Each structure stands twice: as structure tokens, then as C-alpha cells.
Amino acid sequence: MKISKRQKILQAIEKKGCLLVYPLDNRKRPESLWSVLYPRSPMRWEWDTGGDNRVGELWVLREELSRSRDVVYAKWFRNRATFFSKDTFTCFLAYLGTSAGKVPLTRESQEALDLLLMDSPQSTPMLKENLGLRGRFFEAQYNRTLKPLWNYLFLVGYGEVPDSSFPSLNLGATATLFEDLWRASQKIPEAEAEKRLLGVLGKDNLFYQHAEKLKAQLSRSEIAQERRLRD
């Protein structure tokens, strides 16, 4: 029996642990939802009437899956749209130390997280308004504020809302929208989380290597902090 595109994608995310939505410059790695559905077709990023309608169809499916609760969606790998299986996402939370309180945040990032912990999800314009960062002048500051929250998976994407000519992403605090995964990750030792991630992804997996780099950045930050305290 032929399975639907949605079912095929969900099965692939569960098996692979992590997948981008679209490929990076049509490279084979890291794998993407596009490569799952259309393994022999290069993707052309065109939205005009003559463009490939499969690109738009996948964008719509991405939005539906992001709020399905079957998988987890975040702007993660190189700030790209990334889907995780629930187990892999839970292990990343434990491996990175996110849910254990081991990731230091700036005052601005903590303020944004606190707003989402109290009320999730919020649309991008709403969050910008609540942070006092709405408008082109504040765009860079807003991105800097949210970057560590995306990197360490404090945030998830959860559907979209209509906003002028292009829909806006709904953002939510992981601890609020996926409280069960957040709590489960707190019970997993980092070493066990690493072992489970390696079992699914493998050492050479680009998603795993990305997480390694993020973890190394934390270690360097801790060392620098200790030196400042000694001095």
C-alpha cells in the first residue's frame, strides 16, 4: 500500500533522528525532507509561477508537521529549519545540558525565554513587540537575542500565523510546549544521551558534529568565566 508523503517523512525523521527541511545547496549531507521525498531531483528555490510547486508543497507540509506534536521543529542546524524525532530531541536537550540549567544566557535572551515560558506560542511579530524589538532597526538585535535559544533548543517552532504578505512563525518555549520531553531529558545523564545520539546518528553525522561544536562553545565559555573570576 502506498504511504502518504506525511507518513514517509515521519518514518524518515524517526529513523534518521534529524532532518533538514530543504537541502543545503543540493548537497547530500545533511539529509533533508526534500531528499527523502525526491532523492533524484535537485531543488530549485523558486517561488514564481514557473517554479517547482513541490517546494511550496513541502513548505506547507513543514508547517503542518511543526504543530503536529509527532515531531519537533526548530531553527537549529546553521539556523536552518530542522526536524527532530522526539527521542533525538530529548537526548540533545540532555547532551547539551539545556534542561539541566547548564547553558548560561544573556539578560536579553533570558528575558525572551521568560516571556515564552509564560505564554507560548507567540508569533514572531508579537514576541518582537513584547521585547521592544519590532522594526528593521532592531532586527539584528532580535536575531542575536534568539540565537542561543535556538542553538540550545530552548525554543521550538509551532505552526504559523498570517502576517501581511508572508506567514510568521509561531515560537514557543520547549519547556512549555513539550514539557514531557523537557522533564524526560532531565533524567538522562549526559553520557547516556551521547551514547543514544551516537547510536542513531553516528560520529560522522553533521547534526551530531554541530551539537559537539555547541557543547564545546559552552566549555570554552566556562573556562573563560573561571579565568575572569580568578583574575
Protein backbone atom coordinates (compact mmCIF):
# COMPACT_ATOMS: atom_id res chain seq x y z
CA MET A 1 0.00 0.00 0.00
CA LYS A 2 1.36 3.41 -0.96
CA ILE A 3 2.01 5.65 2.02
CA SER A 4 1.41 9.41 2.05
CA LYS A 5 4.18 12.00 1.91
CA ARG A 6 3.45 12.89 5.52
CA GLN A 7 3.82 9.27 6.65
CA LYS A 8 7.01 8.86 4.63
CA ILE A 9 8.52 11.95 6.23
CA LEU A 10 7.54 10.94 9.75
CA GLN A 11 9.06 7.50 9.26
CA ALA A 12 12.26 9.06 7.92
CA ILE A 13 12.56 11.50 10.84
CA GLU A 14 12.04 8.68 13.31
CA LYS A 15 14.67 6.53 11.59
CA LYS A 16 17.26 9.25 10.94
CA GLY A 17 16.70 11.21 14.16
CA CYS A 18 17.27 14.59 12.45
CA LEU A 19 16.49 16.02 9.02
CA LEU A 20 16.60 19.46 7.45
CA VAL A 21 13.53 20.58 5.54
CA TYR A 22 15.45 21.64 2.43
CA PRO A 23 18.96 20.60 1.32
CA LEU A 24 21.94 22.94 1.66
CA ASP A 25 22.97 23.84 -1.90
CA ASN A 26 21.65 20.43 -3.03
CA ARG A 27 24.37 18.64 -1.09
CA LYS A 28 23.69 15.09 0.05
CA ARG A 29 24.64 15.85 3.64
CA PRO A 30 22.97 16.60 5.88
CA GLU A 31 19.86 14.81 4.69
CA SER A 32 16.58 16.65 4.27
CA LEU A 33 12.88 16.08 3.85
CA TRP A 34 13.36 17.01 0.20
CA SER A 35 15.94 14.25 -0.30
CA VAL A 36 13.57 11.77 1.35
CA LEU A 37 10.69 12.65 -0.97
CA TYR A 38 12.65 13.46 -4.13
CA PRO A 39 16.04 11.72 -3.89
CA ARG A 40 16.93 12.16 -7.55
CA SER A 41 15.67 15.73 -8.01
CA PRO A 42 17.81 18.82 -7.35
CA MET A 43 15.82 21.50 -5.55
CA ARG A 44 15.31 24.85 -7.27
CA TRP A 45 14.44 27.60 -4.80
CA GLU A 46 11.91 29.42 -6.97
CA TRP A 47 8.52 30.71 -5.87
CA ASP A 48 7.22 32.23 -9.10
CA THR A 49 4.53 30.70 -11.27
CA GLY A 50 7.11 28.80 -13.28
CA GLY A 51 8.83 27.37 -10.22
CA ASP A 52 8.73 23.87 -8.84
CA ASN A 53 5.45 23.54 -6.93
CA ARG A 54 6.95 20.77 -4.82
CA VAL A 55 8.97 23.41 -2.96
CA GLY A 56 5.81 25.21 -1.85
CA GLU A 57 4.01 21.96 -1.05
CA LEU A 58 6.85 20.93 1.25
CA TRP A 59 6.75 24.35 2.95
CA VAL A 60 3.07 23.80 3.72
CA LEU A 61 3.72 20.28 4.97
CA ARG A 62 6.55 21.63 7.16
CA GLU A 63 4.08 23.99 8.85
CA GLU A 64 1.57 21.19 9.46
CA LEU A 65 4.22 18.88 10.91
CA SER A 66 5.63 21.61 13.16
CA ARG A 67 2.37 21.77 15.12
CA SER A 68 1.52 18.08 14.89
CA ARG A 69 3.43 17.12 18.08
CA ASP A 70 4.54 13.96 16.25
CA VAL A 71 7.99 15.53 15.75
CA VAL A 72 9.82 18.65 16.94
CA TYR A 73 10.74 21.61 14.74
CA ALA A 74 13.40 24.26 15.36
CA LYS A 75 15.70 26.66 13.52
CA TRP A 76 18.78 24.76 14.56
CA PHE A 77 21.42 23.41 12.19
CA ARG A 78 23.17 26.53 10.83
CA ASN A 79 19.96 28.38 11.66
CA ARG A 80 18.07 26.21 9.18
CA ALA A 81 14.68 24.58 9.55
CA THR A 82 15.31 21.23 11.26
CA PHE A 83 13.03 18.39 12.32
CA PHE A 84 13.83 16.00 15.17
CA SER A 85 12.34 12.76 16.35
CA LYS A 86 11.12 13.18 19.92
CA ASP A 87 13.74 10.80 21.29
CA THR A 88 16.62 12.51 19.49
CA PHE A 89 15.41 15.93 20.58
CA THR A 90 15.17 14.75 24.18
CA CYS A 91 18.71 13.40 24.03
CA PHE A 92 20.02 16.66 22.58
CA LEU A 93 18.45 18.56 25.48
CA ALA A 94 20.31 16.28 27.89
CA TYR A 95 23.58 16.18 25.93
CA LEU A 96 23.80 19.96 25.60
CA GLY A 97 22.86 20.48 29.24
CA THR A 98 19.95 22.71 28.26
CA SER A 99 17.29 21.28 30.54
CA ALA A 100 19.81 20.82 33.36
CA GLY A 101 20.42 24.56 33.56
CA LYS A 102 23.99 24.38 32.25
CA VAL A 103 23.60 26.89 29.43
CA PRO A 104 24.26 30.49 30.51
CA LEU A 105 22.10 33.12 28.83
CA THR A 106 22.46 36.85 28.47
CA ARG A 107 19.91 39.05 30.19
CA GLU A 108 18.23 39.74 26.82
CA SER A 109 17.97 36.07 25.88
CA GLN A 110 16.66 35.15 29.32
CA GLU A 111 14.03 37.87 29.05
CA ALA A 112 12.83 36.46 25.74
CA LEU A 113 12.74 32.94 27.17
CA ASP A 114 10.83 34.10 30.24
CA LEU A 115 8.19 35.72 28.05
CA LEU A 116 7.71 32.46 26.15
CA LEU A 117 7.68 30.36 29.31
CA MET A 118 4.74 32.45 30.48
CA ASP A 119 2.91 32.47 27.15
CA SER A 120 3.60 30.05 24.31
CA PRO A 121 3.41 30.03 21.40
CA GLN A 122 3.78 33.63 20.28
CA SER A 123 4.08 34.86 16.72
CA THR A 124 7.33 36.48 15.66
CA PRO A 125 5.78 39.99 15.47
CA MET A 126 4.16 39.53 18.89
CA LEU A 127 7.42 38.46 20.52
CA LYS A 128 9.28 41.35 18.91
CA GLU A 129 6.61 43.73 20.20
CA ASN A 130 6.80 42.30 23.72
CA LEU A 131 10.59 42.63 23.69
CA GLY A 132 10.50 46.15 22.28
CA LEU A 133 12.44 44.97 19.24
CA ARG A 134 9.96 45.40 16.42
CA GLY A 135 11.19 47.11 13.28
CA ARG A 136 14.04 46.79 10.85
CA PHE A 137 16.40 48.78 13.08
CA PHE A 138 16.17 46.10 15.80
CA GLU A 139 16.33 43.05 13.51
CA ALA A 140 19.99 42.25 14.21
CA GLN A 141 19.49 42.63 17.96
CA TYR A 142 16.44 40.38 17.86
CA ASN A 143 18.36 37.68 15.98
CA ARG A 144 21.26 37.90 18.46
CA THR A 145 18.81 37.57 21.32
CA LEU A 146 17.18 34.44 19.94
CA LYS A 147 20.26 32.72 18.50
CA PRO A 148 21.38 30.95 21.72
CA LEU A 149 17.77 29.97 22.44
CA TRP A 150 17.54 28.23 19.07
CA ASN A 151 21.08 26.80 19.29
CA TYR A 152 20.49 25.09 22.61
CA LEU A 153 16.87 24.14 21.83
CA PHE A 154 15.19 26.31 24.43
CA LEU A 155 12.81 27.22 21.59
CA VAL A 156 10.69 25.31 19.11
CA GLY A 157 8.70 26.40 16.10
CA TYR A 158 5.00 25.64 16.35
CA GLY A 159 2.96 26.47 13.28
CA GLU A 160 2.47 29.85 11.65
CA VAL A 161 0.09 32.78 11.72
CA PRO A 162 -0.91 35.07 8.82
CA ASP A 163 1.17 38.25 8.76
CA SER A 164 0.91 40.67 5.83
CA SER A 165 2.29 39.02 2.68
CA PHE A 166 4.09 36.11 4.34
CA PRO A 167 3.12 33.97 7.34
CA SER A 168 5.07 34.40 10.58
CA LEU A 169 6.50 31.53 12.58
CA ASN A 170 4.99 30.82 15.97
CA LEU A 171 7.67 30.38 18.61
CA GLY A 172 7.34 28.57 21.90
CA ALA A 173 9.41 27.59 24.90
CA THR A 174 10.33 23.92 24.76
CA ALA A 175 9.69 23.55 28.48
CA THR A 176 6.12 24.78 27.94
CA LEU A 177 5.06 23.18 24.67
CA PHE A 178 7.00 19.92 25.14
CA GLU A 179 7.08 19.72 28.90
CA ASP A 180 7.11 15.91 28.79
CA LEU A 181 10.29 15.86 26.69
CA TRP A 182 11.90 18.57 28.82
CA ARG A 183 11.26 16.63 32.03
CA ALA A 184 12.34 13.34 30.47
CA SER A 185 15.64 14.87 29.36
CA GLN A 186 16.41 15.95 32.92
CA LYS A 187 16.53 12.29 33.91
CA ILE A 188 19.08 11.32 31.25
CA PRO A 189 22.78 11.64 32.16
CA GLU A 190 24.87 13.41 29.51
CA ALA A 191 26.95 10.29 28.86
CA GLU A 192 23.83 8.23 28.23
CA ALA A 193 22.40 10.92 25.96
CA GLU A 194 25.63 10.95 23.96
CA LYS A 195 25.56 7.16 23.62
CA ARG A 196 21.98 7.20 22.37
CA LEU A 197 22.70 10.00 19.90
CA LEU A 198 25.70 8.15 18.53
CA GLY A 199 23.58 5.03 18.15
CA VAL A 200 21.09 6.86 15.94
CA LEU A 201 23.21 9.50 14.22
CA GLY A 202 26.78 8.22 14.28
CA LYS A 203 30.02 10.11 14.90
CA ASP A 204 30.30 11.42 11.33
CA ASN A 205 26.76 12.77 11.23
CA LEU A 206 26.74 16.54 10.62
CA PHE A 207 23.91 17.10 13.09
CA TYR A 208 25.87 15.33 15.82
CA GLN A 209 29.01 17.30 14.93
CA HIS A 210 27.01 20.52 15.14
CA ALA A 211 25.91 19.59 18.66
CA GLU A 212 29.53 18.81 19.56
CA LYS A 213 30.57 22.30 18.48
CA LEU A 214 27.80 23.88 20.53
CA LYS A 215 28.85 21.87 23.55
CA ALA A 216 32.49 22.87 23.03
CA GLN A 217 31.46 26.53 22.92
CA LEU A 218 29.91 26.10 26.36
CA SER A 219 33.10 24.57 27.71
CA ARG A 220 35.19 27.46 26.37
CA SER A 221 32.74 29.93 27.88
CA GLU A 222 33.00 28.22 31.27
CA ILE A 223 36.81 28.29 31.15
CA ALA A 224 36.81 31.98 30.25
CA GLN A 225 34.41 32.70 33.11
CA GLU A 226 36.62 30.85 35.59
CA ARG A 227 39.66 32.82 34.45
CA ARG A 228 37.81 36.12 34.89
CA LEU A 229 36.81 35.10 38.40
CA ARG A 230 40.42 34.17 39.26
CA ASP A 231 41.73 37.46 37.89
